[in-house]
Structure formats: structure tokens, C-alpha cells
């Protein structure tokens, strides 16, 4: 029994050391962590607004970047899913003017939608300079009583990569 414990501990130590060496060997890459909350509201009319937009440029190991969750969305207080359709496109414009689609989401209902994206070399964040993030929003509402409503909006954010 004691021998099995020593073998298991030895294997775990080898795994931890191997991972540490691999992470240390691989180069660091520049990434942009994008967090934004979109709020779909309906008071007298339907609207979409951005809350808490944050873009943080940082460095991480290539291994960490490879395994890091790149795109996610969570929804809160979702209502009206049967009549409200929301299409959100995240487009990144590079310093050379190239537009790259880095995320597309099709959602339903009003309420808060929290988006988290990590953009790095695989998504086109390879050069330095000023990047522009465009969040294109298309809101379609089909109320049971009344004409359909369509709202198109673009929200913009900029960030600098050294």
C-alpha cells in the first residue's frame, strides 16, 4: 500500500514538473480580454445598450492562451424569448484596416447578456497599433399585437497593442 502511494506521488510530481517546463518553454503572446454586458430593455420601446465594456491587453503563455476559454456568453433575467431575436457580431479592425469577425452570437429575449472573448494571434491580434472593436447589434422584435420592430446599432471600442 505504501509503495502505491509513493508511485502515485512520483507520477504527480513528474506531471506537475512537466507542465511547468512546457509553460515556461513556450513563448508569451499578447491577448485582448474583452468583456461587455449588453442590456436588452423594453420600457416604451425596445433598446439595446452596452454596460461595463472592458478591453484589457495582457500577455499570457501560448499554452495558457490555447486552453483558455475564448468565447462565452451568459444570459440573466431572460424574458420574451418567443418574440425577441438578438444577433451580435464582434468585428475587430486591425491597424492595417483588415476586419476580422471574432465572435457571432444568436440570442433571444430581453435582459442582460454578458460576453467574454479572448483574442490573440489565432484571431488576428498579431501586430501592434490601434485596434477598433465593433459590436454590431441587430434586434428583431415580433410582438403578438403590432408590427415587427427592427433595431440596428453599432457600439465601438478601441485599444492599443504595444
C-alpha atoms as a PDB file:
ATOM      1  CA  UNK A   1       0.000   0.000   0.000  1.00  0.00           C
ATOM      2  CA  UNK A   2       2.831   2.396   0.925  1.00  0.00           C
ATOM      3  CA  UNK A   3       4.586   1.602  -2.356  1.00  0.00           C
ATOM      4  CA  UNK A   4       1.463   2.538  -4.368  1.00  0.00           C
ATOM      5  CA  UNK A   5       1.283   5.919  -2.593  1.00  0.00           C
ATOM      6  CA  UNK A   6       4.920   6.643  -3.434  1.00  0.00           C
ATOM      7  CA  UNK A   7       4.366   5.706  -7.090  1.00  0.00           C
ATOM      8  CA  UNK A   8       1.258   7.928  -7.322  1.00  0.00           C
ATOM      9  CA  UNK A   9       3.058  10.863  -5.672  1.00  0.00           C
ATOM     10  CA  UNK A  10       6.052  10.358  -8.011  1.00  0.00           C
ATOM     11  CA  UNK A  11       3.819  10.353 -11.084  1.00  0.00           C
ATOM     12  CA  UNK A  12       2.019  13.512  -9.889  1.00  0.00           C
ATOM     13  CA  UNK A  13       5.343  15.290  -9.297  1.00  0.00           C
ATOM     14  CA  UNK A  14       6.524  14.338 -12.802  1.00  0.00           C
ATOM     15  CA  UNK A  15       3.271  15.659 -14.316  1.00  0.00           C
ATOM     16  CA  UNK A  16       3.441  18.976 -12.413  1.00  0.00           C
ATOM     17  CA  UNK A  17       7.120  19.497 -13.310  1.00  0.00           C
ATOM     18  CA  UNK A  18       6.426  18.642 -16.971  1.00  0.00           C
ATOM     19  CA  UNK A  19       3.575  21.134 -17.171  1.00  0.00           C
ATOM     20  CA  UNK A  20       5.698  23.837 -15.524  1.00  0.00           C
ATOM     21  CA  UNK A  21       8.505  23.219 -18.021  1.00  0.00           C
ATOM     22  CA  UNK A  22       6.151  23.277 -21.012  1.00  0.00           C
ATOM     23  CA  UNK A  23       4.521  26.532 -19.872  1.00  0.00           C
ATOM     24  CA  UNK A  24       7.952  28.067 -19.262  1.00  0.00           C
ATOM     25  CA  UNK A  25       9.330  26.993 -22.646  1.00  0.00           C
ATOM     26  CA  UNK A  26       6.502  28.311 -24.804  1.00  0.00           C
ATOM     27  CA  UNK A  27       6.579  31.993 -25.692  1.00  0.00           C
ATOM     28  CA  UNK A  28       4.347  34.674 -24.278  1.00  0.00           C
ATOM     29  CA  UNK A  29       1.678  36.085 -26.592  1.00  0.00           C
ATOM     30  CA  UNK A  30      -0.311  39.305 -26.451  1.00  0.00           C
ATOM     31  CA  UNK A  31      -4.044  38.891 -25.977  1.00  0.00           C
ATOM     32  CA  UNK A  32      -7.012  41.197 -25.533  1.00  0.00           C
ATOM     33  CA  UNK A  33      -9.607  40.149 -22.979  1.00  0.00           C
ATOM     34  CA  UNK A  34     -12.966  41.637 -23.988  1.00  0.00           C
ATOM     35  CA  UNK A  35     -15.833  41.774 -21.500  1.00  0.00           C
ATOM     36  CA  UNK A  36     -19.077  43.567 -22.250  1.00  0.00           C
ATOM     37  CA  UNK A  37     -22.646  43.384 -20.992  1.00  0.00           C
ATOM     38  CA  UNK A  38     -25.451  44.160 -23.411  1.00  0.00           C
ATOM     39  CA  UNK A  39     -28.799  45.070 -21.915  1.00  0.00           C
ATOM     40  CA  UNK A  40     -31.953  44.473 -23.981  1.00  0.00           C
ATOM     41  CA  UNK A  41     -34.733  46.563 -22.451  1.00  0.00           C
ATOM     42  CA  UNK A  42     -38.352  47.351 -23.133  1.00  0.00           C
ATOM     43  CA  UNK A  43     -39.993  50.294 -21.463  1.00  0.00           C
ATOM     44  CA  UNK A  44     -41.850  52.426 -24.007  1.00  0.00           C
ATOM     45  CA  UNK A  45     -39.760  50.972 -26.848  1.00  0.00           C
ATOM     46  CA  UNK A  46     -37.125  48.267 -27.278  1.00  0.00           C
ATOM     47  CA  UNK A  47     -33.457  49.173 -26.994  1.00  0.00           C
ATOM     48  CA  UNK A  48     -30.010  47.614 -26.587  1.00  0.00           C
ATOM     49  CA  UNK A  49     -27.256  49.325 -24.620  1.00  0.00           C
ATOM     50  CA  UNK A  50     -23.719  48.367 -23.603  1.00  0.00           C
ATOM     51  CA  UNK A  51     -22.759  48.339 -19.947  1.00  0.00           C
ATOM     52  CA  UNK A  52     -19.334  47.776 -18.419  1.00  0.00           C
ATOM     53  CA  UNK A  53     -17.291  47.389 -21.620  1.00  0.00           C
ATOM     54  CA  UNK A  54     -13.715  46.447 -20.745  1.00  0.00           C
ATOM     55  CA  UNK A  55     -10.849  45.596 -23.070  1.00  0.00           C
ATOM     56  CA  UNK A  56      -7.639  44.586 -21.303  1.00  0.00           C
ATOM     57  CA  UNK A  57      -4.450  43.901 -23.264  1.00  0.00           C
ATOM     58  CA  UNK A  58      -2.145  41.485 -21.460  1.00  0.00           C
ATOM     59  CA  UNK A  59       0.371  38.724 -22.059  1.00  0.00           C
ATOM     60  CA  UNK A  60      -0.004  35.022 -21.332  1.00  0.00           C
ATOM     61  CA  UNK A  61       1.850  31.889 -22.316  1.00  0.00           C
ATOM     62  CA  UNK A  62       0.845  30.357 -25.615  1.00  0.00           C
ATOM     63  CA  UNK A  63      -0.208  27.168 -23.811  1.00  0.00           C
ATOM     64  CA  UNK A  64      -2.484  29.132 -21.454  1.00  0.00           C
ATOM     65  CA  UNK A  65      -3.929  31.049 -24.416  1.00  0.00           C
ATOM     66  CA  UNK A  66      -4.538  27.806 -26.318  1.00  0.00           C
ATOM     67  CA  UNK A  67      -6.553  26.273 -23.478  1.00  0.00           C
ATOM     68  CA  UNK A  68      -8.209  29.492 -22.244  1.00  0.00           C
ATOM     69  CA  UNK A  69     -11.943  29.832 -22.953  1.00  0.00           C
ATOM     70  CA  UNK A  70     -12.120  32.202 -25.909  1.00  0.00           C
ATOM     71  CA  UNK A  71     -15.825  32.927 -26.369  1.00  0.00           C
ATOM     72  CA  UNK A  72     -18.672  32.696 -23.939  1.00  0.00           C
ATOM     73  CA  UNK A  73     -21.980  34.369 -23.256  1.00  0.00           C
ATOM     74  CA  UNK A  74     -24.272  34.110 -20.249  1.00  0.00           C
ATOM     75  CA  UNK A  75     -27.779  35.492 -20.024  1.00  0.00           C
ATOM     76  CA  UNK A  76     -29.615  36.900 -16.993  1.00  0.00           C
ATOM     77  CA  UNK A  77     -33.240  37.898 -16.436  1.00  0.00           C
ATOM     78  CA  UNK A  78     -34.232  36.460 -19.809  1.00  0.00           C
ATOM     79  CA  UNK A  79     -37.813  37.340 -20.800  1.00  0.00           C
ATOM     80  CA  UNK A  80     -39.731  37.485 -24.078  1.00  0.00           C
ATOM     81  CA  UNK A  81     -37.665  34.749 -25.727  1.00  0.00           C
ATOM     82  CA  UNK A  82     -40.507  33.892 -28.085  1.00  0.00           C
ATOM     83  CA  UNK A  83     -40.709  37.389 -29.650  1.00  0.00           C
ATOM     84  CA  UNK A  84     -37.193  38.886 -29.354  1.00  0.00           C
ATOM     85  CA  UNK A  85     -34.227  37.803 -31.514  1.00  0.00           C
ATOM     86  CA  UNK A  86     -30.802  39.344 -30.999  1.00  0.00           C
ATOM     87  CA  UNK A  87     -27.836  38.886 -33.333  1.00  0.00           C
ATOM     88  CA  UNK A  88     -24.481  40.175 -32.063  1.00  0.00           C
ATOM     89  CA  UNK A  89     -21.300  40.265 -34.169  1.00  0.00           C
ATOM     90  CA  UNK A  90     -17.898  41.208 -32.779  1.00  0.00           C
ATOM     91  CA  UNK A  91     -15.649  42.592 -35.521  1.00  0.00           C
ATOM     92  CA  UNK A  92     -12.039  43.568 -34.921  1.00  0.00           C
ATOM     93  CA  UNK A  93     -10.389  46.095 -37.222  1.00  0.00           C
ATOM     94  CA  UNK A  94      -6.597  45.763 -37.249  1.00  0.00           C
ATOM     95  CA  UNK A  95      -4.196  48.720 -37.597  1.00  0.00           C
ATOM     96  CA  UNK A  96      -3.860  47.872 -41.317  1.00  0.00           C
ATOM     97  CA  UNK A  97      -7.636  48.168 -41.807  1.00  0.00           C
ATOM     98  CA  UNK A  98      -8.443  44.461 -42.053  1.00  0.00           C
ATOM     99  CA  UNK A  99     -11.789  43.489 -40.491  1.00  0.00           C
ATOM    100  CA  UNK A 100     -11.880  40.147 -38.650  1.00  0.00           C
ATOM    101  CA  UNK A 101     -15.048  38.577 -37.249  1.00  0.00           C
ATOM    102  CA  UNK A 102     -14.078  37.294 -33.811  1.00  0.00           C
ATOM    103  CA  UNK A 103     -17.485  36.270 -32.492  1.00  0.00           C
ATOM    104  CA  UNK A 104     -21.065  35.743 -33.658  1.00  0.00           C
ATOM    105  CA  UNK A 105     -23.956  35.107 -31.290  1.00  0.00           C
ATOM    106  CA  UNK A 106     -27.660  34.495 -31.922  1.00  0.00           C
ATOM    107  CA  UNK A 107     -29.705  35.024 -28.758  1.00  0.00           C
ATOM    108  CA  UNK A 108     -33.319  35.519 -27.724  1.00  0.00           C
ATOM    109  CA  UNK A 109     -35.185  37.543 -25.128  1.00  0.00           C
ATOM    110  CA  UNK A 110     -34.596  40.714 -23.203  1.00  0.00           C
ATOM    111  CA  UNK A 111     -32.353  41.048 -20.155  1.00  0.00           C
ATOM    112  CA  UNK A 112     -28.576  41.096 -19.616  1.00  0.00           C
ATOM    113  CA  UNK A 113     -26.139  39.231 -21.836  1.00  0.00           C
ATOM    114  CA  UNK A 114     -22.526  39.009 -20.615  1.00  0.00           C
ATOM    115  CA  UNK A 115     -19.944  38.397 -23.356  1.00  0.00           C
ATOM    116  CA  UNK A 116     -16.357  37.285 -22.707  1.00  0.00           C
ATOM    117  CA  UNK A 117     -13.879  36.902 -25.554  1.00  0.00           C
ATOM    118  CA  UNK A 118     -10.129  36.345 -25.551  1.00  0.00           C
ATOM    119  CA  UNK A 119      -8.496  37.486 -28.781  1.00  0.00           C
ATOM    120  CA  UNK A 120      -4.932  36.565 -29.612  1.00  0.00           C
ATOM    121  CA  UNK A 121      -2.695  35.599 -32.537  1.00  0.00           C
ATOM    122  CA  UNK A 122      -5.127  32.945 -33.821  1.00  0.00           C
ATOM    123  CA  UNK A 123      -7.829  35.620 -34.195  1.00  0.00           C
ATOM    124  CA  UNK A 124      -5.577  38.203 -35.854  1.00  0.00           C
ATOM    125  CA  UNK A 125      -4.064  40.069 -32.903  1.00  0.00           C
ATOM    126  CA  UNK A 126      -0.556  39.803 -34.339  1.00  0.00           C
ATOM    127  CA  UNK A 127       0.533  43.374 -34.969  1.00  0.00           C
ATOM    128  CA  UNK A 128       0.976  46.409 -32.783  1.00  0.00           C
ATOM    129  CA  UNK A 129      -1.021  49.606 -33.074  1.00  0.00           C
ATOM    130  CA  UNK A 130      -4.583  50.744 -32.539  1.00  0.00           C
ATOM    131  CA  UNK A 131      -7.349  48.168 -32.887  1.00  0.00           C
ATOM    132  CA  UNK A 132     -11.036  49.036 -33.136  1.00  0.00           C
ATOM    133  CA  UNK A 133     -13.691  46.671 -31.837  1.00  0.00           C
ATOM    134  CA  UNK A 134     -17.109  46.987 -33.470  1.00  0.00           C
ATOM    135  CA  UNK A 135     -20.073  45.295 -31.809  1.00  0.00           C
ATOM    136  CA  UNK A 136     -22.833  45.114 -34.407  1.00  0.00           C
ATOM    137  CA  UNK A 137     -26.259  44.514 -32.899  1.00  0.00           C
ATOM    138  CA  UNK A 138     -29.402  43.538 -34.786  1.00  0.00           C
ATOM    139  CA  UNK A 139     -32.546  43.364 -32.652  1.00  0.00           C
ATOM    140  CA  UNK A 140     -35.747  41.965 -34.168  1.00  0.00           C
ATOM    141  CA  UNK A 141     -38.987  42.002 -32.193  1.00  0.00           C
ATOM    142  CA  UNK A 142     -42.170  40.300 -33.401  1.00  0.00           C
ATOM    143  CA  UNK A 143     -44.837  41.324 -30.866  1.00  0.00           C
ATOM    144  CA  UNK A 144     -48.129  39.407 -30.941  1.00  0.00           C
ATOM    145  CA  UNK A 145     -50.049  42.661 -31.376  1.00  0.00           C
ATOM    146  CA  UNK A 146     -48.410  45.211 -33.627  1.00  0.00           C
ATOM    147  CA  UNK A 147     -45.884  45.489 -36.412  1.00  0.00           C
ATOM    148  CA  UNK A 148     -42.414  43.932 -36.223  1.00  0.00           C
ATOM    149  CA  UNK A 149     -39.643  46.164 -34.879  1.00  0.00           C
ATOM    150  CA  UNK A 150     -36.040  46.153 -36.117  1.00  0.00           C
ATOM    151  CA  UNK A 151     -33.166  47.985 -34.436  1.00  0.00           C
ATOM    152  CA  UNK A 152     -29.595  48.044 -35.767  1.00  0.00           C
ATOM    153  CA  UNK A 153     -26.837  49.534 -33.648  1.00  0.00           C
ATOM    154  CA  UNK A 154     -23.027  49.535 -33.619  1.00  0.00           C
ATOM    155  CA  UNK A 155     -21.009  50.045 -30.446  1.00  0.00           C
ATOM    156  CA  UNK A 156     -17.319  50.845 -30.787  1.00  0.00           C
ATOM    157  CA  UNK A 157     -14.284  50.454 -28.551  1.00  0.00           C
ATOM    158  CA  UNK A 158     -10.581  50.987 -29.206  1.00  0.00           C
ATOM    159  CA  UNK A 159      -7.457  49.568 -27.641  1.00  0.00           C
ATOM    160  CA  UNK A 160      -3.725  49.801 -28.232  1.00  0.00           C
ATOM    161  CA  UNK A 161      -1.336  46.877 -28.618  1.00  0.00           C
ATOM    162  CA  UNK A 162       2.262  47.906 -27.927  1.00  0.00           C
END
